[in-house]
């Protein structure tokens, strides 16, 4: 029996997967799942409300 497949990931990929599945849940009217996954995915992203030196 084989173990789980290795998946290369990082915070950005994990966040994107959560948001994409949240959209699928929303389309299927699974509201609680959609809200939970969207919130989790959003919480993993960097803050975009403040300007950084790279954006100036």
N, C-alpha and C. Protein backbone atom coordinates (compact mmCIF):
# COMPACT_ATOMS: atom_id res chain seq x y z
N UNK A 1 0.85 -1.18 0.00
CA UNK A 1 0.00 0.00 0.00
C UNK A 1 0.89 1.24 0.00
N UNK A 2 0.59 2.15 -0.86
CA UNK A 2 1.37 3.38 -0.98
C UNK A 2 0.85 4.45 -0.03
N UNK A 3 1.75 5.32 0.39
CA UNK A 3 1.37 6.46 1.22
C UNK A 3 0.80 7.56 0.36
N UNK A 4 0.45 8.68 0.97
CA UNK A 4 -0.11 9.80 0.22
C UNK A 4 0.91 10.36 -0.77
N UNK A 5 0.43 10.85 -1.89
CA UNK A 5 1.30 11.44 -2.91
C UNK A 5 1.91 12.72 -2.38
N UNK A 6 3.12 13.00 -2.80
CA UNK A 6 3.80 14.23 -2.41
C UNK A 6 3.24 15.38 -3.25
N UNK A 7 2.86 16.44 -2.60
CA UNK A 7 2.34 17.61 -3.28
C UNK A 7 3.18 18.81 -2.87
N UNK A 8 3.83 19.43 -3.84
CA UNK A 8 4.59 20.65 -3.54
C UNK A 8 3.60 21.78 -3.33
N UNK A 9 3.73 22.48 -2.24
CA UNK A 9 2.77 23.54 -1.95
C UNK A 9 3.45 24.66 -1.19
N UNK A 10 2.76 25.74 -1.08
CA UNK A 10 3.18 26.87 -0.27
C UNK A 10 1.92 27.62 0.14
N UNK A 11 2.08 28.68 0.89
CA UNK A 11 0.92 29.40 1.42
C UNK A 11 0.06 29.95 0.28
N UNK A 12 0.68 30.45 -0.76
CA UNK A 12 -0.08 31.02 -1.89
C UNK A 12 -0.95 29.96 -2.57
N UNK A 13 -0.37 28.79 -2.85
CA UNK A 13 -1.13 27.72 -3.49
C UNK A 13 -2.26 27.23 -2.60
N UNK A 14 -1.97 27.07 -1.32
CA UNK A 14 -3.00 26.60 -0.39
C UNK A 14 -4.16 27.59 -0.32
N UNK A 15 -3.83 28.87 -0.28
CA UNK A 15 -4.86 29.91 -0.24
C UNK A 15 -5.70 29.88 -1.52
N UNK A 16 -5.04 29.75 -2.66
CA UNK A 16 -5.77 29.70 -3.93
C UNK A 16 -6.70 28.50 -3.99
N UNK A 17 -6.24 27.33 -3.53
CA UNK A 17 -7.10 26.15 -3.53
C UNK A 17 -8.32 26.34 -2.65
N UNK A 18 -8.11 26.93 -1.47
CA UNK A 18 -9.24 27.16 -0.56
C UNK A 18 -10.26 28.11 -1.20
N UNK A 19 -9.79 29.16 -1.84
CA UNK A 19 -10.71 30.13 -2.45
C UNK A 19 -11.44 29.51 -3.64
N UNK A 20 -10.74 28.71 -4.44
CA UNK A 20 -11.41 28.06 -5.59
C UNK A 20 -12.48 27.07 -5.13
N UNK A 21 -12.19 26.31 -4.10
CA UNK A 21 -13.19 25.37 -3.58
C UNK A 21 -14.33 26.14 -2.92
N UNK A 22 -14.03 27.28 -2.30
CA UNK A 22 -15.09 28.11 -1.72
C UNK A 22 -16.06 28.57 -2.80
N UNK A 23 -15.54 28.92 -3.96
CA UNK A 23 -16.40 29.34 -5.07
C UNK A 23 -17.28 28.18 -5.53
N UNK A 24 -16.69 26.98 -5.63
CA UNK A 24 -17.48 25.81 -6.00
C UNK A 24 -18.59 25.55 -4.98
N UNK A 25 -18.25 25.65 -3.70
CA UNK A 25 -19.26 25.45 -2.65
C UNK A 25 -20.36 26.49 -2.74
N UNK A 26 -19.99 27.73 -3.02
CA UNK A 26 -20.98 28.80 -3.16
C UNK A 26 -21.94 28.49 -4.31
N UNK A 27 -21.40 28.04 -5.43
CA UNK A 27 -22.23 27.73 -6.59
C UNK A 27 -23.19 26.57 -6.31
N UNK A 28 -22.81 25.69 -5.39
CA UNK A 28 -23.66 24.56 -5.03
C UNK A 28 -24.54 24.90 -3.82
N UNK A 29 -24.51 26.13 -3.39
CA UNK A 29 -25.29 26.65 -2.26
C UNK A 29 -24.94 25.96 -0.95
N UNK A 30 -23.68 25.60 -0.79
CA UNK A 30 -23.17 25.08 0.48
C UNK A 30 -22.57 26.27 1.22
N UNK A 31 -23.44 27.08 1.79
CA UNK A 31 -23.06 28.39 2.31
C UNK A 31 -22.01 28.33 3.41
N UNK A 32 -22.19 27.43 4.40
CA UNK A 32 -21.26 27.37 5.53
C UNK A 32 -19.86 27.00 5.05
N UNK A 33 -19.77 26.03 4.16
CA UNK A 33 -18.47 25.63 3.63
C UNK A 33 -17.83 26.76 2.83
N UNK A 34 -18.63 27.43 2.01
CA UNK A 34 -18.13 28.52 1.20
C UNK A 34 -17.56 29.64 2.06
N UNK A 35 -18.31 30.02 3.09
CA UNK A 35 -17.87 31.11 3.97
C UNK A 35 -16.60 30.71 4.72
N UNK A 36 -16.58 29.49 5.25
CA UNK A 36 -15.43 29.03 6.03
C UNK A 36 -14.17 28.97 5.17
N UNK A 37 -14.27 28.37 4.00
CA UNK A 37 -13.10 28.24 3.13
C UNK A 37 -12.64 29.59 2.59
N UNK A 38 -13.56 30.46 2.23
CA UNK A 38 -13.18 31.78 1.73
C UNK A 38 -12.48 32.57 2.81
N UNK A 39 -12.99 32.50 4.01
CA UNK A 39 -12.37 33.22 5.13
C UNK A 39 -10.97 32.68 5.42
N UNK A 40 -10.83 31.36 5.40
CA UNK A 40 -9.52 30.76 5.65
C UNK A 40 -8.52 31.14 4.56
N UNK A 41 -8.96 31.07 3.31
CA UNK A 41 -8.07 31.44 2.20
C UNK A 41 -7.67 32.90 2.25
N UNK A 42 -8.62 33.75 2.56
CA UNK A 42 -8.34 35.18 2.64
C UNK A 42 -7.39 35.47 3.80
N UNK A 43 -7.56 34.76 4.91
CA UNK A 43 -6.71 34.99 6.07
C UNK A 43 -5.26 34.61 5.86
N UNK A 44 -4.99 33.80 4.85
CA UNK A 44 -3.61 33.38 4.56
C UNK A 44 -2.89 34.37 3.66
N UNK A 45 -3.62 35.26 3.01
CA UNK A 45 -3.01 36.20 2.07
C UNK A 45 -2.38 37.37 2.80
N UNK A 46 -1.35 37.99 2.20
CA UNK A 46 -0.73 39.16 2.83
C UNK A 46 -1.69 40.35 2.82
N UNK A 47 -1.49 41.24 3.76
CA UNK A 47 -2.32 42.44 3.86
C UNK A 47 -2.10 43.32 2.62
N UNK A 48 -3.16 43.71 1.97
CA UNK A 48 -3.06 44.57 0.78
C UNK A 48 -3.66 45.95 1.01
N UNK A 49 -3.96 46.26 2.26
CA UNK A 49 -4.60 47.55 2.53
C UNK A 49 -3.60 48.66 2.79
N UNK A 50 -2.32 48.33 2.96
CA UNK A 50 -1.31 49.36 3.20
C UNK A 50 -0.31 49.36 2.06
N UNK A 51 0.23 50.52 1.77
CA UNK A 51 1.23 50.65 0.73
C UNK A 51 2.58 50.19 1.25
N UNK A 52 3.31 49.50 0.39
CA UNK A 52 4.68 49.13 0.73
C UNK A 52 5.61 49.90 -0.19
N UNK A 53 6.88 49.86 0.10
CA UNK A 53 7.84 50.61 -0.72
C UNK A 53 7.84 50.10 -2.17
N UNK A 54 7.50 48.83 -2.39
CA UNK A 54 7.46 48.28 -3.75
C UNK A 54 6.31 48.87 -4.57
N UNK A 55 5.24 49.32 -3.92
CA UNK A 55 4.08 49.84 -4.63
C UNK A 55 4.15 51.36 -4.83
N UNK A 56 5.07 52.00 -4.22
CA UNK A 56 5.13 53.48 -4.32
C UNK A 56 5.75 53.95 -5.58
